C-alpha cells in the first residue's frame, strides 16, 4: 500500500477583524477552508496596471466619462491607508 502525503505551502497574512469576520461568515461549512473561500471569490485574475491603462488610453482614446473621472478622484481623495499597529 502506497501512502501519499499532501504537503501544502502556506503564507501568513494579516487581516483586520472586520475582514476576518467577513471571510469567516463566507464559509459554506465549518469544514471549508479559508483557501477554498478565497478561491470562490470573484477576484479578477488579470488586473490592469496604471501603465497598461495609460497605454490603452493613448491607443484607443479615453474610455471614461467625466463623471467616471470625478468619481475616481473622489475615491482617491477619501482613500486612507490602513492603521496597522
PDB file of N, CA and C in Angstrom:
ATOM      1  N   UNK A   1       0.843  -1.169   0.000  1.00  0.00           N
ATOM      2  CA  UNK A   1       0.000   0.000   0.000  1.00  0.00           C
ATOM      3  C   UNK A   1       0.893   1.239   0.000  1.00  0.00           C
ATOM      4  N   UNK A   2       0.608   2.168  -0.918  1.00  0.00           N
ATOM      5  CA  UNK A   2       1.367   3.410  -1.011  1.00  0.00           C
ATOM      6  C   UNK A   2       0.542   4.515  -0.365  1.00  0.00           C
ATOM      7  N   UNK A   3       1.189   5.264   0.509  1.00  0.00           N
ATOM      8  CA  UNK A   3       0.517   6.379   1.179  1.00  0.00           C
ATOM      9  C   UNK A   3       1.138   7.674   0.675  1.00  0.00           C
ATOM     10  N   UNK A   4       0.286   8.539   0.142  1.00  0.00           N
ATOM     11  CA  UNK A   4       0.758   9.830  -0.328  1.00  0.00           C
ATOM     12  C   UNK A   4       0.392  10.880   0.705  1.00  0.00           C
ATOM     13  N   UNK A   5       1.361  11.689   1.063  1.00  0.00           N
ATOM     14  CA  UNK A   5       1.094  12.784   1.981  1.00  0.00           C
ATOM     15  C   UNK A   5       0.964  14.060   1.169  1.00  0.00           C
ATOM     16  N   UNK A   6       0.055  14.882   1.589  1.00  0.00           N
ATOM     17  CA  UNK A   6      -0.169  16.145   0.900  1.00  0.00           C
ATOM     18  C   UNK A   6       0.589  17.244   1.643  1.00  0.00           C
ATOM     19  N   UNK A   7       1.545  17.843   0.956  1.00  0.00           N
ATOM     20  CA  UNK A   7       2.298  18.951   1.531  1.00  0.00           C
ATOM     21  C   UNK A   7       1.742  20.243   0.958  1.00  0.00           C
ATOM     22  N   UNK A   8       1.410  21.165   1.826  1.00  0.00           N
ATOM     23  CA  UNK A   8       0.810  22.420   1.406  1.00  0.00           C
ATOM     24  C   UNK A   8       1.710  23.568   1.814  1.00  0.00           C
ATOM     25  N   UNK A   9       2.084  24.379   0.832  1.00  0.00           N
ATOM     26  CA  UNK A   9       2.833  25.595   1.149  1.00  0.00           C
ATOM     27  C   UNK A   9       1.859  26.586   1.752  1.00  0.00           C
ATOM     28  N   UNK A  10       2.283  27.288   2.762  1.00  0.00           N
ATOM     29  CA  UNK A  10       1.401  28.249   3.417  1.00  0.00           C
ATOM     30  C   UNK A  10       2.033  29.627   3.420  1.00  0.00           C
ATOM     31  N   UNK A  11       1.184  30.622   3.585  1.00  0.00           N
ATOM     32  CA  UNK A  11       1.611  32.010   3.673  1.00  0.00           C
ATOM     33  C   UNK A  11       0.762  32.657   4.747  1.00  0.00           C
ATOM     34  N   UNK A  12       1.388  33.326   5.675  1.00  0.00           N
ATOM     35  CA  UNK A  12       0.662  34.004   6.740  1.00  0.00           C
ATOM     36  C   UNK A  12       0.290  35.405   6.283  1.00  0.00           C
ATOM     37  N   UNK A  13      -0.981  35.781   6.481  1.00  0.00           N
ATOM     38  CA  UNK A  13      -1.423  37.126   6.133  1.00  0.00           C
ATOM     39  C   UNK A  13      -2.064  37.763   7.359  1.00  0.00           C
ATOM     40  N   UNK A  14      -2.132  39.071   7.357  1.00  0.00           N
ATOM     41  CA  UNK A  14      -2.767  39.803   8.443  1.00  0.00           C
ATOM     42  C   UNK A  14      -4.051  40.429   7.924  1.00  0.00           C
ATOM     43  N   UNK A  15      -5.133  40.206   8.653  1.00  0.00           N
ATOM     44  CA  UNK A  15      -6.421  40.796   8.305  1.00  0.00           C
ATOM     45  C   UNK A  15      -6.924  41.614   9.482  1.00  0.00           C
ATOM     46  N   UNK A  16      -7.600  42.698   9.183  1.00  0.00           N
ATOM     47  CA  UNK A  16      -8.284  43.417  10.246  1.00  0.00           C
ATOM     48  C   UNK A  16      -9.494  42.578  10.653  1.00  0.00           C
ATOM     49  N   UNK A  17      -9.971  42.787  11.864  1.00  0.00           N
ATOM     50  CA  UNK A  17     -11.033  41.936  12.405  1.00  0.00           C
ATOM     51  C   UNK A  17     -12.282  41.914  11.545  1.00  0.00           C
ATOM     52  N   UNK A  18     -12.681  43.054  10.997  1.00  0.00           N
ATOM     53  CA  UNK A  18     -13.898  43.060  10.185  1.00  0.00           C
ATOM     54  C   UNK A  18     -13.713  42.228   8.913  1.00  0.00           C
ATOM     55  N   UNK A  19     -12.518  42.258   8.324  1.00  0.00           N
ATOM     56  CA  UNK A  19     -12.247  41.457   7.132  1.00  0.00           C
ATOM     57  C   UNK A  19     -12.239  39.970   7.482  1.00  0.00           C
ATOM     58  N   UNK A  20     -11.653  39.627   8.614  1.00  0.00           N
ATOM     59  CA  UNK A  20     -11.652  38.230   9.065  1.00  0.00           C
ATOM     60  C   UNK A  20     -13.079  37.745   9.287  1.00  0.00           C
ATOM     61  N   UNK A  21     -13.916  38.567   9.928  1.00  0.00           N
ATOM     62  CA  UNK A  21     -15.303  38.181  10.173  1.00  0.00           C
ATOM     63  C   UNK A  21     -16.051  37.949   8.868  1.00  0.00           C
ATOM     64  N   UNK A  22     -15.817  38.809   7.884  1.00  0.00           N
ATOM     65  CA  UNK A  22     -16.479  38.625   6.586  1.00  0.00           C
ATOM     66  C   UNK A  22     -16.029  37.336   5.913  1.00  0.00           C
ATOM     67  N   UNK A  23     -14.743  37.054   6.003  1.00  0.00           N
ATOM     68  CA  UNK A  23     -14.220  35.828   5.407  1.00  0.00           C
ATOM     69  C   UNK A  23     -14.778  34.599   6.122  1.00  0.00           C
ATOM     70  N   UNK A  24     -14.816  34.671   7.440  1.00  0.00           N
ATOM     71  CA  UNK A  24     -15.340  33.546   8.235  1.00  0.00           C
ATOM     72  C   UNK A  24     -16.810  33.289   7.929  1.00  0.00           C
ATOM     73  N   UNK A  25     -17.609  34.349   7.813  1.00  0.00           N
ATOM     74  CA  UNK A  25     -19.035  34.162   7.535  1.00  0.00           C
ATOM     75  C   UNK A  25     -19.295  33.714   6.101  1.00  0.00           C
ATOM     76  N   UNK A  26     -18.304  33.880   5.223  1.00  0.00           N
ATOM     77  CA  UNK A  26     -18.458  33.433   3.836  1.00  0.00           C
ATOM     78  C   UNK A  26     -18.271  31.927   3.688  1.00  0.00           C
ATOM     79  N   UNK A  27     -17.771  31.291   4.732  1.00  0.00           N
ATOM     80  CA  UNK A  27     -17.576  29.843   4.674  1.00  0.00           C
ATOM     81  C   UNK A  27     -18.928  29.152   4.569  1.00  0.00           C
ATOM     82  N   UNK A  28     -19.026  28.168   3.688  1.00  0.00           N
ATOM     83  CA  UNK A  28     -20.277  27.443   3.484  1.00  0.00           C
ATOM     84  C   UNK A  28     -20.480  26.335   4.507  1.00  0.00           C
ATOM     85  N   UNK A  29     -19.400  25.916   5.124  1.00  0.00           N
ATOM     86  CA  UNK A  29     -19.485  24.885   6.158  1.00  0.00           C
ATOM     87  C   UNK A  29     -18.285  25.040   7.080  1.00  0.00           C
ATOM     88  N   UNK A  30     -18.374  24.491   8.277  1.00  0.00           N
ATOM     89  CA  UNK A  30     -17.227  24.576   9.189  1.00  0.00           C
ATOM     90  C   UNK A  30     -15.979  23.889   8.636  1.00  0.00           C
ATOM     91  N   UNK A  31     -16.181  22.942   7.743  1.00  0.00           N
ATOM     92  CA  UNK A  31     -15.042  22.209   7.179  1.00  0.00           C
ATOM     93  C   UNK A  31     -14.384  22.920   6.009  1.00  0.00           C
ATOM     94  N   UNK A  32     -15.053  23.928   5.428  1.00  0.00           N
ATOM     95  CA  UNK A  32     -14.478  24.647   4.296  1.00  0.00           C
ATOM     96  C   UNK A  32     -13.313  25.510   4.785  1.00  0.00           C
ATOM     97  N   UNK A  33     -12.214  25.445   4.080  1.00  0.00           N
ATOM     98  CA  UNK A  33     -11.033  26.213   4.484  1.00  0.00           C
ATOM     99  C   UNK A  33     -11.134  27.648   3.965  1.00  0.00           C
ATOM    100  N   UNK A  34     -10.340  28.525   4.570  1.00  0.00           N
ATOM    101  CA  UNK A  34     -10.297  29.897   4.080  1.00  0.00           C
ATOM    102  C   UNK A  34      -9.753  29.935   2.654  1.00  0.00           C
ATOM    103  N   UNK A  35      -8.845  29.051   2.324  1.00  0.00           N
ATOM    104  CA  UNK A  35      -8.319  28.995   0.957  1.00  0.00           C
ATOM    105  C   UNK A  35      -9.447  28.697  -0.032  1.00  0.00           C
ATOM    106  N   UNK A  36     -10.329  27.787   0.327  1.00  0.00           N
ATOM    107  CA  UNK A  36     -11.454  27.462  -0.558  1.00  0.00           C
ATOM    108  C   UNK A  36     -12.392  28.654  -0.716  1.00  0.00           C
ATOM    109  N   UNK A  37     -12.602  29.392   0.360  1.00  0.00           N
ATOM    110  CA  UNK A  37     -13.456  30.584   0.291  1.00  0.00           C
ATOM    111  C   UNK A  37     -12.837  31.609  -0.645  1.00  0.00           C
ATOM    112  N   UNK A  38     -11.550  31.871  -0.498  1.00  0.00           N
ATOM    113  CA  UNK A  38     -10.873  32.864  -1.333  1.00  0.00           C
ATOM    114  C   UNK A  38     -10.918  32.442  -2.792  1.00  0.00           C
ATOM    115  N   UNK A  39     -10.746  31.166  -3.079  1.00  0.00           N
ATOM    116  CA  UNK A  39     -10.802  30.684  -4.467  1.00  0.00           C
ATOM    117  C   UNK A  39     -12.183  30.892  -5.079  1.00  0.00           C
ATOM    118  N   UNK A  40     -13.233  30.867  -4.262  1.00  0.00           N
ATOM    119  CA  UNK A  40     -14.594  31.074  -4.755  1.00  0.00           C
ATOM    120  C   UNK A  40     -14.903  32.533  -5.042  1.00  0.00           C
ATOM    121  N   UNK A  41     -14.162  33.448  -4.426  1.00  0.00           N
ATOM    122  CA  UNK A  41     -14.445  34.867  -4.581  1.00  0.00           C
ATOM    123  C   UNK A  41     -14.209  35.321  -6.013  1.00  0.00           C
ATOM    124  N   UNK A  42     -14.967  36.308  -6.410  1.00  0.00           N
ATOM    125  CA  UNK A  42     -14.840  36.844  -7.770  1.00  0.00           C
ATOM    126  C   UNK A  42     -13.731  37.890  -7.799  1.00  0.00           C
ATOM    127  N   UNK A  43     -12.499  37.432  -7.814  1.00  0.00           N
ATOM    128  CA  UNK A  43     -11.346  38.320  -7.869  1.00  0.00           C
ATOM    129  C   UNK A  43     -10.761  38.214  -9.273  1.00  0.00           C
ATOM    130  N   UNK A  44     -10.692  39.329  -9.991  1.00  0.00           N
ATOM    131  CA  UNK A  44     -10.161  39.234 -11.359  1.00  0.00           C
ATOM    132  C   UNK A  44      -8.714  38.777 -11.359  1.00  0.00           C
ATOM    133  N   UNK A  45      -8.407  37.851 -12.236  1.00  0.00           N
ATOM    134  CA  UNK A  45      -7.040  37.330 -12.327  1.00  0.00           C
ATOM    135  C   UNK A  45      -6.134  38.276 -13.107  1.00  0.00           C
ATOM    136  N   UNK A  46      -6.704  38.998 -14.058  1.00  0.00           N
ATOM    137  CA  UNK A  46      -5.901  39.867 -14.916  1.00  0.00           C
ATOM    138  C   UNK A  46      -6.204  41.325 -14.601  1.00  0.00           C
ATOM    139  N   UNK A  47      -5.581  41.839 -13.569  1.00  0.00           N
ATOM    140  CA  UNK A  47      -5.771  43.239 -13.212  1.00  0.00           C
ATOM    141  C   UNK A  47      -5.005  44.111 -14.199  1.00  0.00           C
ATOM    142  N   UNK A  48      -5.495  45.304 -14.402  1.00  0.00           N
ATOM    143  CA  UNK A  48      -4.848  46.247 -15.305  1.00  0.00           C
ATOM    144  C   UNK A  48      -3.995  47.191 -14.464  1.00  0.00           C
ATOM    145  N   UNK A  49      -2.744  47.311 -14.837  1.00  0.00           N
ATOM    146  CA  UNK A  49      -1.853  48.228 -14.124  1.00  0.00           C
ATOM    147  C   UNK A  49      -2.071  49.644 -14.637  1.00  0.00           C
ATOM    148  N   UNK A  50      -1.585  50.612 -13.895  1.00  0.00           N
ATOM    149  CA  UNK A  50      -1.674  52.005 -14.320  1.00  0.00           C
ATOM    150  C   UNK A  50      -0.971  52.230 -15.647  1.00  0.00           C
ATOM    151  N   UNK A  51       0.163  51.594 -15.823  1.00  0.00           N
ATOM    152  CA  UNK A  51       0.914  51.731 -17.079  1.00  0.00           C
ATOM    153  C   UNK A  51       0.112  51.182 -18.256  1.00  0.00           C
ATOM    154  N   UNK A  52      -0.547  50.024 -18.046  1.00  0.00           N
ATOM    155  CA  UNK A  52      -1.369  49.448 -19.111  1.00  0.00           C
ATOM    156  C   UNK A  52      -2.568  50.340 -19.425  1.00  0.00           C
ATOM    157  N   UNK A  53      -3.189  50.900 -18.377  1.00  0.00           N
ATOM    158  CA  UNK A  53      -4.328  51.781 -18.580  1.00  0.00           C
ATOM    159  C   UNK A  53      -3.925  53.020 -19.374  1.00  0.00           C
ATOM    160  N   UNK A  54      -2.781  53.603 -19.046  1.00  0.00           N
ATOM    161  CA  UNK A  54      -2.295  54.772 -19.774  1.00  0.00           C
ATOM    162  C   UNK A  54      -2.031  54.421 -21.234  1.00  0.00           C
ATOM    163  N   UNK A  55      -1.443  53.266 -21.469  1.00  0.00           N
ATOM    164  CA  UNK A  55      -1.181  52.825 -22.837  1.00  0.00           C
ATOM    165  C   UNK A  55      -2.483  52.639 -23.608  1.00  0.00           C
ATOM    166  N   UNK A  56      -3.488  52.039 -22.965  1.00  0.00           N
ATOM    167  CA  UNK A  56      -4.785  51.848 -23.627  1.00  0.00           C
ATOM    168  C   UNK A  56      -5.429  53.191 -23.957  1.00  0.00           C
ATOM    169  N   UNK A  57      -5.334  54.158 -23.029  1.00  0.00           N
ATOM    170  CA  UNK A  57      -5.913  55.486 -23.274  1.00  0.00           C
ATOM    171  C   UNK A  57      -5.229  56.166 -24.449  1.00  0.00           C
ATOM    172  N   UNK A  58      -3.917  56.025 -24.537  1.00  0.00           N
ATOM    173  CA  UNK A  58      -3.178  56.643 -25.642  1.00  0.00           C
ATOM    174  C   UNK A  58      -3.522  55.983 -26.975  1.00  0.00           C
ATOM    175  N   UNK A  59      -3.770  54.670 -26.944  1.00  0.00           N
ATOM    176  CA  UNK A  59      -4.056  53.929 -28.161  1.00  0.00           C
ATOM    177  C   UNK A  59      -5.506  54.097 -28.606  1.00  0.00           C
ATOM    178  N   UNK A  60      -6.445  53.941 -27.683  1.00  0.00           N
ATOM    179  CA  UNK A  60      -7.869  53.933 -28.024  1.00  0.00           C
ATOM    180  C   UNK A  60      -8.608  55.210 -27.685  1.00  0.00           C
ATOM    181  N   UNK A  61      -7.975  56.091 -26.967  1.00  0.00           N
ATOM    182  CA  UNK A  61      -8.672  57.290 -26.526  1.00  0.00           C
ATOM    183  C   UNK A  61      -9.328  57.037 -25.182  1.00  0.00           C
ATOM    184  N   UNK A  62      -9.864  58.089 -24.614  1.00  0.00           N
ATOM    185  CA  UNK A  62     -10.474  57.996 -23.282  1.00  0.00           C
ATOM    186  C   UNK A  62     -11.699  57.078 -23.319  1.00  0.00           C
ATOM    187  N   UNK A  63     -11.774  56.181 -22.357  1.00  0.00           N
ATOM    188  CA  UNK A  63     -12.903  55.266 -22.257  1.00  0.00           C
ATOM    189  C   UNK A  63     -13.808  55.630 -21.080  1.00  0.00           C
ATOM    190  N   UNK A  64     -13.413  56.620 -20.298  1.00  0.00           N
ATOM    191  CA  UNK A  64     -14.169  57.026 -19.124  1.00  0.00           C
ATOM    192  C   UNK A  64     -14.865  58.351 -19.384  1.00  0.00           C
ATOM    193  N   UNK A  65     -16.039  58.498 -18.797  1.00  0.00           N
ATOM    194  CA  UNK A  65     -16.748  59.761 -18.897  1.00  0.00           C
ATOM    195  C   UNK A  65     -16.187  60.723 -17.849  1.00  0.00           C
ATOM    196  N   UNK A  66     -16.552  61.977 -17.968  1.00  0.00           N
ATOM    197  CA  UNK A  66     -16.140  62.961 -16.966  1.00  0.00           C
ATOM    198  C   UNK A  66     -16.664  62.570 -15.588  1.00  0.00           C
ATOM    199  N   UNK A  67     -17.882  62.046 -15.536  1.00  0.00           N
ATOM    200  CA  UNK A  67     -18.468  61.602 -14.269  1.00  0.00           C
ATOM    201  C   UNK A  67     -17.636  60.470 -13.668  1.00  0.00           C
ATOM    202  N   UNK A  68     -17.186  59.528 -14.502  1.00  0.00           N
ATOM    203  CA  UNK A  68     -16.314  58.448 -14.028  1.00  0.00           C
ATOM    204  C   UNK A  68     -15.034  59.013 -13.427  1.00  0.00           C
ATOM    205  N   UNK A  69     -14.440  59.967 -14.101  1.00  0.00           N
ATOM    206  CA  UNK A  69     -13.189  60.569 -13.622  1.00  0.00           C
ATOM    207  C   UNK A  69     -13.402  61.287 -12.291  1.00  0.00           C
ATOM    208  N   UNK A  70     -14.517  62.014 -12.157  1.00  0.00           N
ATOM    209  CA  UNK A  70     -14.803  62.693 -10.892  1.00  0.00           C
ATOM    210  C   UNK A  70     -14.995  61.682  -9.758  1.00  0.00           C
ATOM    211  N   UNK A  71     -15.684  60.577 -10.055  1.00  0.00           N
ATOM    212  CA  UNK A  71     -15.898  59.535  -9.040  1.00  0.00           C
ATOM    213  C   UNK A  71     -14.572  58.934  -8.604  1.00  0.00           C
ATOM    214  N   UNK A  72     -13.674  58.687  -9.546  1.00  0.00           N
ATOM    215  CA  UNK A  72     -12.356  58.141  -9.218  1.00  0.00           C
ATOM    216  C   UNK A  72     -11.571  59.135  -8.367  1.00  0.00           C
ATOM    217  N   UNK A  73     -11.630  60.411  -8.739  1.00  0.00           N
ATOM    218  CA  UNK A  73     -10.940  61.441  -7.952  1.00  0.00           C
ATOM    219  C   UNK A  73     -11.477  61.495  -6.528  1.00  0.00           C
ATOM    220  N   UNK A  74     -12.801  61.396  -6.360  1.00  0.00           N
ATOM    221  CA  UNK A  74     -13.393  61.409  -5.013  1.00  0.00           C
ATOM    222  C   UNK A  74     -12.908  60.208  -4.203  1.00  0.00           C
ATOM    223  N   UNK A  75     -12.916  59.040  -4.822  1.00  0.00           N
ATOM    224  CA  UNK A  75     -12.463  57.833  -4.123  1.00  0.00           C
ATOM    225  C   UNK A  75     -10.989  57.944  -3.726  1.00  0.00           C
ATOM    226  N   UNK A  76     -10.163  58.459  -4.616  1.00  0.00           N
ATOM    227  CA  UNK A  76      -8.745  58.632  -4.297  1.00  0.00           C
ATOM    228  C   UNK A  76      -8.536  59.609  -3.164  1.00  0.00           C
ATOM    229  N   UNK A  77      -9.324  60.678  -3.125  1.00  0.00           N
ATOM    230  CA  UNK A  77      -9.194  61.681  -2.077  1.00  0.00           C
ATOM    231  C   UNK A  77      -9.597  61.113  -0.720  1.00  0.00           C
ATOM    232  N   UNK A  78     -10.587  60.201  -0.707  1.00  0.00           N
ATOM    233  CA  UNK A  78     -11.077  59.623   0.537  1.00  0.00           C
ATOM    234  C   UNK A  78     -10.265  58.419   1.013  1.00  0.00           C
ATOM    235  N   UNK A  79      -9.446  57.871   0.129  1.00  0.00           N
ATOM    236  CA  UNK A  79      -8.706  56.651   0.449  1.00  0.00           C
ATOM    237  C   UNK A  79      -7.672  56.910   1.547  1.00  0.00           C
ATOM    238  N   UNK A  80      -7.701  56.086   2.553  1.00  0.00           N
ATOM    239  CA  UNK A  80      -6.773  56.201   3.672  1.00  0.00           C
ATOM    240  C   UNK A  80      -6.027  54.889   3.851  1.00  0.00           C
ATOM    241  N   UNK A  81      -4.736  54.940   4.174  1.00  0.00           N
ATOM    242  CA  UNK A  81      -4.018  53.694   4.431  1.00  0.00           C
ATOM    243  C   UNK A  81      -4.546  53.042   5.701  1.00  0.00           C
ATOM    244  N   UNK A  82      -4.465  51.725   5.792  1.00  0.00           N
ATOM    245  CA  UNK A  82      -4.946  51.048   6.992  1.00  0.00           C
ATOM    246  C   UNK A  82      -4.079  51.382   8.206  1.00  0.00           C
ATOM    247  N   UNK A  83      -4.697  51.379   9.353  1.00  0.00           N
ATOM    248  CA  UNK A  83      -3.950  51.595  10.584  1.00  0.00           C
ATOM    249  C   UNK A  83      -3.544  50.230  11.124  1.00  0.00           C
ATOM    250  N   UNK A  84      -2.279  49.941  11.014  1.00  0.00           N
ATOM    251  CA  UNK A  84      -1.753  48.654  11.460  1.00  0.00           C
ATOM    252  C   UNK A  84      -0.828  48.918  12.640  1.00  0.00           C
ATOM    253  N   UNK A  85      -1.138  48.325  13.777  1.00  0.00           N
ATOM    254  CA  UNK A  85      -0.289  48.570  14.946  1.00  0.00           C
ATOM    255  C   UNK A  85       1.112  48.017  14.776  1.00  0.00           C
TER     256      UNK A  85
END
